[in-house]
Amino acid sequence: FTISRDDAKITVYLQMNSLKPDDTAVYLCAA
């Protein structure tokens, strides 16, 4: 996984690769 941000859009991203069944969940953004 890679977390990144776009300062102009005030947006955070979570790029998730090589996903596994154990990654199944509700994902919540927090600040």
Full PDB file with SEQRES, HELIX, SHEET, SSBOND, CRYST1, ORIGX, SCALE, CONECT and MASTER records, all heavy atoms in Angstrom:
SEQRES   1 A   31  PHE THR ILE SER ARG ASP ASP ALA LYS ILE THR VAL TYR          
SEQRES   2 A   31  LEU GLN MET ASN SER LEU LYS PRO ASP ASP THR ALA VAL          
SEQRES   3 A   31  TYR LEU CYS ALA ALA                                          
HELIX    1 AA1 PRO A   21  ASP A   23  5                                   3    
SHEET    1 AA1 2 THR A   2  ASP A   6  0                                        
SHEET    2 AA1 2 THR A  11  GLN A  15 -1                                        
CRYST1    1.000    1.000    1.000  90.00  90.00  90.00 P 1           1          
ORIGX1      1.000000  0.000000  0.000000        0.00000                         
ORIGX2      0.000000  1.000000  0.000000        0.00000                         
ORIGX3      0.000000  0.000000  1.000000        0.00000                         
SCALE1      1.000000  0.000000  0.000000        0.00000                         
SCALE2      0.000000  1.000000  0.000000        0.00000                         
SCALE3      0.000000  0.000000  1.000000        0.00000                         
ATOM      1  N   PHE A   1       0.846  -1.196   0.000  1.00  0.00           N  
ATOM      2  CA  PHE A   1       0.000   0.000   0.000  1.00  0.00           C  
ATOM      3  C   PHE A   1       0.884   1.250   0.000  1.00  0.00           C  
ATOM      4  O   PHE A   1       1.962   1.255   0.591  1.00  0.00           O  
ATOM      5  CB  PHE A   1      -0.883   0.048   1.241  1.00  0.00           C  
ATOM      6  CG  PHE A   1      -1.967  -0.990   1.311  1.00  0.00           C  
ATOM      7  CD1 PHE A   1      -2.031  -2.056   0.425  1.00  0.00           C  
ATOM      8  CD2 PHE A   1      -2.966  -0.882   2.286  1.00  0.00           C  
ATOM      9  CE1 PHE A   1      -3.037  -3.002   0.495  1.00  0.00           C  
ATOM     10  CE2 PHE A   1      -3.990  -1.820   2.375  1.00  0.00           C  
ATOM     11  CZ  PHE A   1      -4.012  -2.886   1.481  1.00  0.00           C  
ATOM     12  N   THR A   2       0.381   2.297  -0.636  1.00  0.00           N  
ATOM     13  CA  THR A   2       1.079   3.578  -0.646  1.00  0.00           C  
ATOM     14  C   THR A   2       0.095   4.694  -0.362  1.00  0.00           C  
ATOM     15  O   THR A   2      -0.932   4.807  -1.042  1.00  0.00           O  
ATOM     16  CB  THR A   2       1.748   3.834  -2.008  1.00  0.00           C  
ATOM     17  OG1 THR A   2       2.656   2.759  -2.305  1.00  0.00           O  
ATOM     18  CG2 THR A   2       2.529   5.139  -1.989  1.00  0.00           C  
ATOM     19  N   ILE A   3       0.415   5.516   0.638  1.00  0.00           N  
ATOM     20  CA  ILE A   3      -0.408   6.684   0.952  1.00  0.00           C  
ATOM     21  C   ILE A   3       0.271   7.906   0.346  1.00  0.00           C  
ATOM     22  O   ILE A   3       1.499   8.036   0.382  1.00  0.00           O  
ATOM     23  CB  ILE A   3      -0.613   6.838   2.476  1.00  0.00           C  
ATOM     24  CG1 ILE A   3      -1.636   7.931   2.777  1.00  0.00           C  
ATOM     25  CG2 ILE A   3       0.703   7.069   3.203  1.00  0.00           C  
ATOM     26  CD1 ILE A   3      -2.065   7.982   4.253  1.00  0.00           C  
ATOM     27  N   SER A   4      -0.526   8.788  -0.226  1.00  0.00           N  
ATOM     28  CA  SER A   4       0.026  10.001  -0.828  1.00  0.00           C  
ATOM     29  C   SER A   4      -1.003  11.118  -0.703  1.00  0.00           C  
ATOM     30  O   SER A   4      -2.142  10.879  -0.308  1.00  0.00           O  
ATOM     31  CB  SER A   4       0.369   9.757  -2.306  1.00  0.00           C  
ATOM     32  OG  SER A   4      -0.789   9.422  -3.039  1.00  0.00           O  
ATOM     33  N   ARG A   5      -0.566  12.336  -1.041  1.00  0.00           N  
ATOM     34  CA  ARG A   5      -1.482  13.474  -0.932  1.00  0.00           C  
ATOM     35  C   ARG A   5      -1.347  14.367  -2.146  1.00  0.00           C  
ATOM     36  O   ARG A   5      -0.301  14.422  -2.789  1.00  0.00           O  
ATOM     37  CB  ARG A   5      -1.185  14.276   0.332  1.00  0.00           C  
ATOM     38  CG  ARG A   5       0.102  15.121   0.242  1.00  0.00           C  
ATOM     39  CD  ARG A   5       0.609  15.520   1.541  1.00  0.00           C  
ATOM     40  NE  ARG A   5       1.685  16.485   1.571  1.00  0.00           N  
ATOM     41  CZ  ARG A   5       2.894  16.365   1.023  1.00  0.00           C  
ATOM     42  NH1 ARG A   5       3.191  15.302   0.280  1.00  0.00           N  
ATOM     43  NH2 ARG A   5       3.818  17.290   1.179  1.00  0.00           N  
ATOM     44  N   ASP A   6      -2.422  15.078  -2.426  1.00  0.00           N  
ATOM     45  CA  ASP A   6      -2.426  16.101  -3.472  1.00  0.00           C  
ATOM     46  C   ASP A   6      -2.757  17.408  -2.775  1.00  0.00           C  
ATOM     47  O   ASP A   6      -3.892  17.617  -2.338  1.00  0.00           O  
ATOM     48  CB  ASP A   6      -3.474  15.757  -4.530  1.00  0.00           C  
ATOM     49  CG  ASP A   6      -3.471  16.743  -5.689  1.00  0.00           C  
ATOM     50  OD1 ASP A   6      -3.280  17.963  -5.453  1.00  0.00           O  
ATOM     51  OD2 ASP A   6      -3.683  16.313  -6.825  1.00  0.00           O  
ATOM     52  N   ASP A   7      -1.775  18.267  -2.661  1.00  0.00           N  
ATOM     53  CA  ASP A   7      -1.945  19.498  -1.896  1.00  0.00           C  
ATOM     54  C   ASP A   7      -2.966  20.427  -2.546  1.00  0.00           C  
ATOM     55  O   ASP A   7      -3.729  21.091  -1.860  1.00  0.00           O  
ATOM     56  CB  ASP A   7      -0.602  20.211  -1.756  1.00  0.00           C  
ATOM     57  CG  ASP A   7      -0.681  21.346  -0.757  1.00  0.00           C  
ATOM     58  OD1 ASP A   7      -0.947  21.080   0.435  1.00  0.00           O  
ATOM     59  OD2 ASP A   7      -0.506  22.511  -1.155  1.00  0.00           O  
ATOM     60  N   ALA A   8      -2.991  20.469  -3.840  1.00  0.00           N  
ATOM     61  CA  ALA A   8      -3.922  21.367  -4.529  1.00  0.00           C  
ATOM     62  C   ALA A   8      -5.370  20.927  -4.327  1.00  0.00           C  
ATOM     63  O   ALA A   8      -6.265  21.757  -4.188  1.00  0.00           O  
ATOM     64  CB  ALA A   8      -3.582  21.425  -6.012  1.00  0.00           C  
ATOM     65  N   LYS A   9      -5.600  19.621  -4.299  1.00  0.00           N  
ATOM     66  CA  LYS A   9      -6.959  19.093  -4.145  1.00  0.00           C  
ATOM     67  C   LYS A   9      -7.316  18.793  -2.694  1.00  0.00           C  
ATOM     68  O   LYS A   9      -8.455  18.404  -2.413  1.00  0.00           O  
ATOM     69  CB  LYS A   9      -7.120  17.817  -4.976  1.00  0.00           C  
ATOM     70  CG  LYS A   9      -6.965  18.033  -6.476  1.00  0.00           C  
ATOM     71  CD  LYS A   9      -7.152  16.715  -7.220  1.00  0.00           C  
ATOM     72  CE  LYS A   9      -7.015  16.925  -8.723  1.00  0.00           C  
ATOM     73  NZ  LYS A   9      -7.173  15.647  -9.472  1.00  0.00           N  
ATOM     74  N   ILE A  10      -6.374  18.955  -1.800  1.00  0.00           N  
ATOM     75  CA  ILE A  10      -6.564  18.595  -0.381  1.00  0.00           C  
ATOM     76  C   ILE A  10      -7.166  17.197  -0.287  1.00  0.00           C  
ATOM     77  O   ILE A  10      -8.196  16.956   0.351  1.00  0.00           O  
ATOM     78  CB  ILE A  10      -7.461  19.612   0.354  1.00  0.00           C  
ATOM     79  CG1 ILE A  10      -7.128  21.033  -0.060  1.00  0.00           C  
ATOM     80  CG2 ILE A  10      -7.265  19.483   1.888  1.00  0.00           C  
ATOM     81  CD1 ILE A  10      -5.716  21.464   0.313  1.00  0.00           C  
ATOM     82  N   THR A  11      -6.509  16.275  -0.952  1.00  0.00           N  
ATOM     83  CA  THR A  11      -6.986  14.897  -1.043  1.00  0.00           C  
ATOM     84  C   THR A  11      -5.852  13.944  -0.701  1.00  0.00           C  
ATOM     85  O   THR A  11      -4.705  14.164  -1.100  1.00  0.00           O  
ATOM     86  CB  THR A  11      -7.518  14.610  -2.456  1.00  0.00           C  
ATOM     87  OG1 THR A  11      -8.647  15.457  -2.709  1.00  0.00           O  
ATOM     88  CG2 THR A  11      -7.965  13.156  -2.598  1.00  0.00           C  
ATOM     89  N   VAL A  12      -6.201  12.902   0.029  1.00  0.00           N  
ATOM     90  CA  VAL A  12      -5.267  11.845   0.360  1.00  0.00           C  
ATOM     91  C   VAL A  12      -5.703  10.581  -0.369  1.00  0.00           C  
ATOM     92  O   VAL A  12      -6.903  10.299  -0.477  1.00  0.00           O  
ATOM     93  CB  VAL A  12      -5.225  11.595   1.886  1.00  0.00           C  
ATOM     94  CG1 VAL A  12      -4.473  10.332   2.213  1.00  0.00           C  
ATOM     95  CG2 VAL A  12      -4.595  12.768   2.593  1.00  0.00           C  
ATOM     96  N   TYR A  13      -4.730   9.829  -0.839  1.00  0.00           N  
ATOM     97  CA  TYR A  13      -4.995   8.603  -1.571  1.00  0.00           C  
ATOM     98  C   TYR A  13      -4.371   7.414  -0.853  1.00  0.00           C  
ATOM     99  O   TYR A  13      -3.353   7.554  -0.174  1.00  0.00           O  
ATOM    100  CB  TYR A  13      -4.408   8.691  -2.983  1.00  0.00           C  
ATOM    101  CG  TYR A  13      -4.923   9.862  -3.778  1.00  0.00           C  
ATOM    102  CD1 TYR A  13      -4.185  11.042  -3.862  1.00  0.00           C  
ATOM    103  CD2 TYR A  13      -6.146   9.800  -4.430  1.00  0.00           C  
ATOM    104  CE1 TYR A  13      -4.657  12.126  -4.590  1.00  0.00           C  
ATOM    105  CE2 TYR A  13      -6.625  10.874  -5.158  1.00  0.00           C  
ATOM    106  CZ  TYR A  13      -5.877  12.044  -5.233  1.00  0.00           C  
ATOM    107  OH  TYR A  13      -6.350  13.112  -5.947  1.00  0.00           O  
ATOM    108  N   LEU A  14      -4.978   6.265  -1.040  1.00  0.00           N  
ATOM    109  CA  LEU A  14      -4.382   5.012  -0.582  1.00  0.00           C  
ATOM    110  C   LEU A  14      -4.393   4.058  -1.775  1.00  0.00           C  
ATOM    111  O   LEU A  14      -5.443   3.547  -2.153  1.00  0.00           O  
ATOM    112  CB  LEU A  14      -5.149   4.419   0.596  1.00  0.00           C  
ATOM    113  CG  LEU A  14      -4.507   3.171   1.210  1.00  0.00           C  
ATOM    114  CD1 LEU A  14      -3.189   3.552   1.909  1.00  0.00           C  
ATOM    115  CD2 LEU A  14      -5.447   2.489   2.195  1.00  0.00           C  
ATOM    116  N   GLN A  15      -3.226   3.866  -2.363  1.00  0.00           N  
ATOM    117  CA  GLN A  15      -3.074   2.918  -3.456  1.00  0.00           C  
ATOM    118  C   GLN A  15      -2.808   1.548  -2.858  1.00  0.00           C  
ATOM    119  O   GLN A  15      -1.833   1.379  -2.118  1.00  0.00           O  
ATOM    120  CB  GLN A  15      -1.921   3.337  -4.369  1.00  0.00           C  
ATOM    121  CG  GLN A  15      -1.655   2.369  -5.507  1.00  0.00           C  
ATOM    122  CD  GLN A  15      -2.792   2.327  -6.517  1.00  0.00           C  
ATOM    123  OE1 GLN A  15      -3.341   3.348  -6.896  1.00  0.00           O  
ATOM    124  NE2 GLN A  15      -3.158   1.112  -6.956  1.00  0.00           N  
ATOM    125  N   MET A  16      -3.677   0.605  -3.177  1.00  0.00           N  
ATOM    126  CA  MET A  16      -3.575  -0.727  -2.598  1.00  0.00           C  
ATOM    127  C   MET A  16      -3.306  -1.730  -3.707  1.00  0.00           C  
ATOM    128  O   MET A  16      -4.142  -1.914  -4.598  1.00  0.00           O  
ATOM    129  CB  MET A  16      -4.868  -1.080  -1.858  1.00  0.00           C  
ATOM    130  CG  MET A  16      -5.265  -0.057  -0.808  1.00  0.00           C  
ATOM    131  SD  MET A  16      -6.709  -0.548   0.162  1.00  0.00           S  
ATOM    132  CE  MET A  16      -7.970  -0.534  -1.104  1.00  0.00           C  
ATOM    133  N   ASN A  17      -2.139  -2.357  -3.656  1.00  0.00           N  
ATOM    134  CA  ASN A  17      -1.744  -3.357  -4.646  1.00  0.00           C  
ATOM    135  C   ASN A  17      -1.602  -4.725  -3.989  1.00  0.00           C  
ATOM    136  O   ASN A  17      -1.516  -4.825  -2.770  1.00  0.00           O  
ATOM    137  CB  ASN A  17      -0.418  -2.955  -5.299  1.00  0.00           C  
ATOM    138  CG  ASN A  17      -0.495  -1.640  -6.039  1.00  0.00           C  
ATOM    139  OD1 ASN A  17      -1.540  -1.260  -6.591  1.00  0.00           O  
ATOM    140  ND2 ASN A  17       0.617  -0.917  -6.077  1.00  0.00           N  
ATOM    141  N   SER A  18      -1.560  -5.752  -4.813  1.00  0.00           N  
ATOM    142  CA  SER A  18      -1.389  -7.128  -4.319  1.00  0.00           C  
ATOM    143  C   SER A  18      -2.363  -7.421  -3.181  1.00  0.00           C  
ATOM    144  O   SER A  18      -1.982  -7.948  -2.133  1.00  0.00           O  
ATOM    145  CB  SER A  18       0.061  -7.350  -3.858  1.00  0.00           C  
ATOM    146  OG  SER A  18       0.973  -7.107  -4.894  1.00  0.00           O  
ATOM    147  N   LEU A  19      -3.607  -7.086  -3.385  1.00  0.00           N  
ATOM    148  CA  LEU A  19      -4.613  -7.234  -2.334  1.00  0.00           C  
ATOM    149  C   LEU A  19      -4.833  -8.696  -1.984  1.00  0.00           C  
ATOM    150  O   LEU A  19      -4.748  -9.592  -2.841  1.00  0.00           O  
ATOM    151  CB  LEU A  19      -5.917  -6.580  -2.759  1.00  0.00           C  
ATOM    152  CG  LEU A  19      -5.919  -5.054  -2.643  1.00  0.00           C  
ATOM    153  CD1 LEU A  19      -7.019  -4.423  -3.483  1.00  0.00           C  
ATOM    154  CD2 LEU A  19      -6.069  -4.634  -1.176  1.00  0.00           C  
ATOM    155  N   LYS A  20      -5.102  -8.919  -0.717  1.00  0.00           N  
ATOM    156  CA  LYS A  20      -5.338 -10.252  -0.175  1.00  0.00           C  
ATOM    157  C   LYS A  20      -6.728 -10.303   0.443  1.00  0.00           C  
ATOM    158  O   LYS A  20      -7.257  -9.269   0.867  1.00  0.00           O  
ATOM    159  CB  LYS A  20      -4.310 -10.563   0.907  1.00  0.00           C  
ATOM    160  CG  LYS A  20      -2.862 -10.414   0.481  1.00  0.00           C  
ATOM    161  CD  LYS A  20      -1.941 -10.599   1.680  1.00  0.00           C  
ATOM    162  CE  LYS A  20      -0.482 -10.418   1.296  1.00  0.00           C  
ATOM    163  NZ  LYS A  20       0.415 -10.577   2.473  1.00  0.00           N  
ATOM    164  N   PRO A  21      -7.319 -11.488   0.569  1.00  0.00           N  
ATOM    165  CA  PRO A  21      -8.622 -11.590   1.248  1.00  0.00           C  
ATOM    166  C   PRO A  21      -8.597 -10.994   2.660  1.00  0.00           C  
ATOM    167  O   PRO A  21      -9.598 -10.435   3.107  1.00  0.00           O  
ATOM    168  CB  PRO A  21      -8.876 -13.100   1.269  1.00  0.00           C  
ATOM    169  CG  PRO A  21      -8.182 -13.596   0.046  1.00  0.00           C  
ATOM    170  CD  PRO A  21      -6.934 -12.761  -0.068  1.00  0.00           C  
ATOM    171  N   ASP A  22      -7.471 -11.078   3.346  1.00  0.00           N  
ATOM    172  CA  ASP A  22      -7.358 -10.499   4.693  1.00  0.00           C  
ATOM    173  C   ASP A  22      -7.450  -8.984   4.701  1.00  0.00           C  
ATOM    174  O   ASP A  22      -7.604  -8.373   5.761  1.00  0.00           O  
ATOM    175  CB  ASP A  22      -6.026 -10.912   5.345  1.00  0.00           C  
ATOM    176  CG  ASP A  22      -6.053 -12.340   5.845  1.00  0.00           C  
ATOM    177  OD1 ASP A  22      -7.145 -12.939   5.870  1.00  0.00           O  
ATOM    178  OD2 ASP A  22      -4.985 -12.849   6.214  1.00  0.00           O  
ATOM    179  N   ASP A  23      -7.355  -8.356   3.535  1.00  0.00           N  
ATOM    180  CA  ASP A  23      -7.495  -6.903   3.456  1.00  0.00           C  
ATOM    181  C   ASP A  23      -8.963  -6.474   3.417  1.00  0.00           C  
ATOM    182  O   ASP A  23      -9.264  -5.276   3.464  1.00  0.00           O  
ATOM    183  CB  ASP A  23      -6.792  -6.361   2.207  1.00  0.00           C  
ATOM    184  CG  ASP A  23      -5.287  -6.550   2.242  1.00  0.00           C  
ATOM    185  OD1 ASP A  23      -4.687  -6.314   3.302  1.00  0.00           O  
ATOM    186  OD2 ASP A  23      -4.713  -6.932   1.202  1.00  0.00           O  
ATOM    187  N   THR A  24      -9.872  -7.426   3.332  1.00  0.00           N  
ATOM    188  CA  THR A  24     -11.298  -7.108   3.307  1.00  0.00           C  
ATOM    189  C   THR A  24     -11.719  -6.412   4.589  1.00  0.00           C  
ATOM    190  O   THR A  24     -11.479  -6.913   5.696  1.00  0.00           O  
ATOM    191  CB  THR A  24     -12.124  -8.397   3.118  1.00  0.00           C  
ATOM    192  OG1 THR A  24     -11.831  -8.945   1.825  1.00  0.00           O  
ATOM    193  CG2 THR A  24     -13.613  -8.112   3.219  1.00  0.00           C  
ATOM    194  N   ALA A  25     -12.322  -5.231   4.444  1.00  0.00           N  
ATOM    195  CA  ALA A  25     -12.713  -4.424   5.605  1.00  0.00           C  
ATOM    196  C   ALA A  25     -13.412  -3.159   5.107  1.00  0.00           C  
ATOM    197  O   ALA A  25     -13.386  -2.853   3.912  1.00  0.00           O  
ATOM    198  CB  ALA A  25     -11.492  -4.032   6.439  1.00  0.00           C  
ATOM    199  N   VAL A  26     -13.983  -2.435   6.054  1.00  0.00           N  
ATOM    200  CA  VAL A  26     -14.400  -1.059   5.789  1.00  0.00           C  
ATOM    201  C   VAL A  26     -13.194  -0.166   6.054  1.00  0.00           C  
ATOM    202  O   VAL A  26     -12.598  -0.240   7.138  1.00  0.00           O  
ATOM    203  CB  VAL A  26     -15.583  -0.648   6.679  1.00  0.00           C  
ATOM    204  CG1 VAL A  26     -15.887   0.841   6.488  1.00  0.00           C  
ATOM    205  CG2 VAL A  26     -16.803  -1.495   6.362  1.00  0.00           C  
ATOM    206  N   TYR A  27     -12.833   0.618   5.086  1.00  0.00           N  
ATOM    207  CA  TYR A  27     -11.686   1.519   5.206  1.00  0.00           C  
ATOM    208  C   TYR A  27     -12.182   2.918   5.523  1.00  0.00           C  
ATOM    209  O   TYR A  27     -13.080   3.445   4.850  1.00  0.00           O  
ATOM    210  CB  TYR A  27     -10.871   1.510   3.919  1.00  0.00           C  
ATOM    211  CG  TYR A  27     -10.015   0.274   3.787  1.00  0.00           C  
ATOM    212  CD1 TYR A  27     -10.591  -0.972   3.558  1.00  0.00           C  
ATOM    213  CD2 TYR A  27      -8.633   0.336   3.938  1.00  0.00           C  
ATOM    214  CE1 TYR A  27      -9.818  -2.117   3.473  1.00  0.00           C  
ATOM    215  CE2 TYR A  27      -7.848  -0.804   3.844  1.00  0.00           C  
ATOM    216  CZ  TYR A  27      -8.447  -2.023   3.613  1.00  0.00           C  
ATOM    217  OH  TYR A  27      -7.669  -3.156   3.527  1.00  0.00           O  
ATOM    218  N   LEU A  28     -11.588   3.510   6.554  1.00  0.00           N  
ATOM    219  CA  LEU A  28     -12.004   4.829   7.024  1.00  0.00           C  
ATOM    220  C   LEU A  28     -10.859   5.813   6.932  1.00  0.00           C  
ATOM    221  O   LEU A  28      -9.742   5.522   7.370  1.00  0.00           O  
ATOM    222  CB  LEU A  28     -12.482   4.741   8.471  1.00  0.00           C  
ATOM    223  CG  LEU A  28     -13.662   3.802   8.705  1.00  0.00           C  
ATOM    224  CD1 LEU A  28     -13.234   2.651   9.592  1.00  0.00           C  
ATOM    225  CD2 LEU A  28     -14.819   4.541   9.329  1.00  0.00           C  
ATOM    226  N   CYS A  29     -11.163   6.966   6.390  1.00  0.00           N  
ATOM    227  CA  CYS A  29     -10.212   8.064   6.346  1.00  0.00           C  
ATOM    228  C   CYS A  29     -10.351   8.876   7.628  1.00  0.00           C  
ATOM    229  O   CYS A  29     -11.467   9.052   8.139  1.00  0.00           O  
ATOM    230  CB  CYS A  29     -10.514   8.932   5.138  1.00  0.00           C  
ATOM    231  SG  CYS A  29      -9.495  10.402   4.977  1.00  0.00           S  
ATOM    232  N   ALA A  30      -9.224   9.355   8.139  1.00  0.00           N  
ATOM    233  CA  ALA A  30      -9.243  10.135   9.372  1.00  0.00           C  
ATOM    234  C   ALA A  30      -8.286  11.311   9.253  1.00  0.00           C  
ATOM    235  O   ALA A  30      -7.310  11.245   8.500  1.00  0.00           O  
ATOM    236  CB  ALA A  30      -8.857   9.250  10.560  1.00  0.00           C  
ATOM    237  N   ALA A  31      -8.562  12.355  10.020  1.00  0.00           N  
ATOM    238  CA  ALA A  31      -7.715  13.545   9.963  1.00  0.00           C  
ATOM    239  C   ALA A  31      -7.636  14.217  11.317  1.00  0.00           C  
ATOM    240  O   ALA A  31      -8.577  14.147  12.117  1.00  0.00           O  
ATOM    241  CB  ALA A  31      -8.247  14.536   8.928  1.00  0.00           C  
TER     242      ALA A  31                                                      
MASTER        0    0    0    1    2    0    0    6  241    1    0    3          
END                                                                             
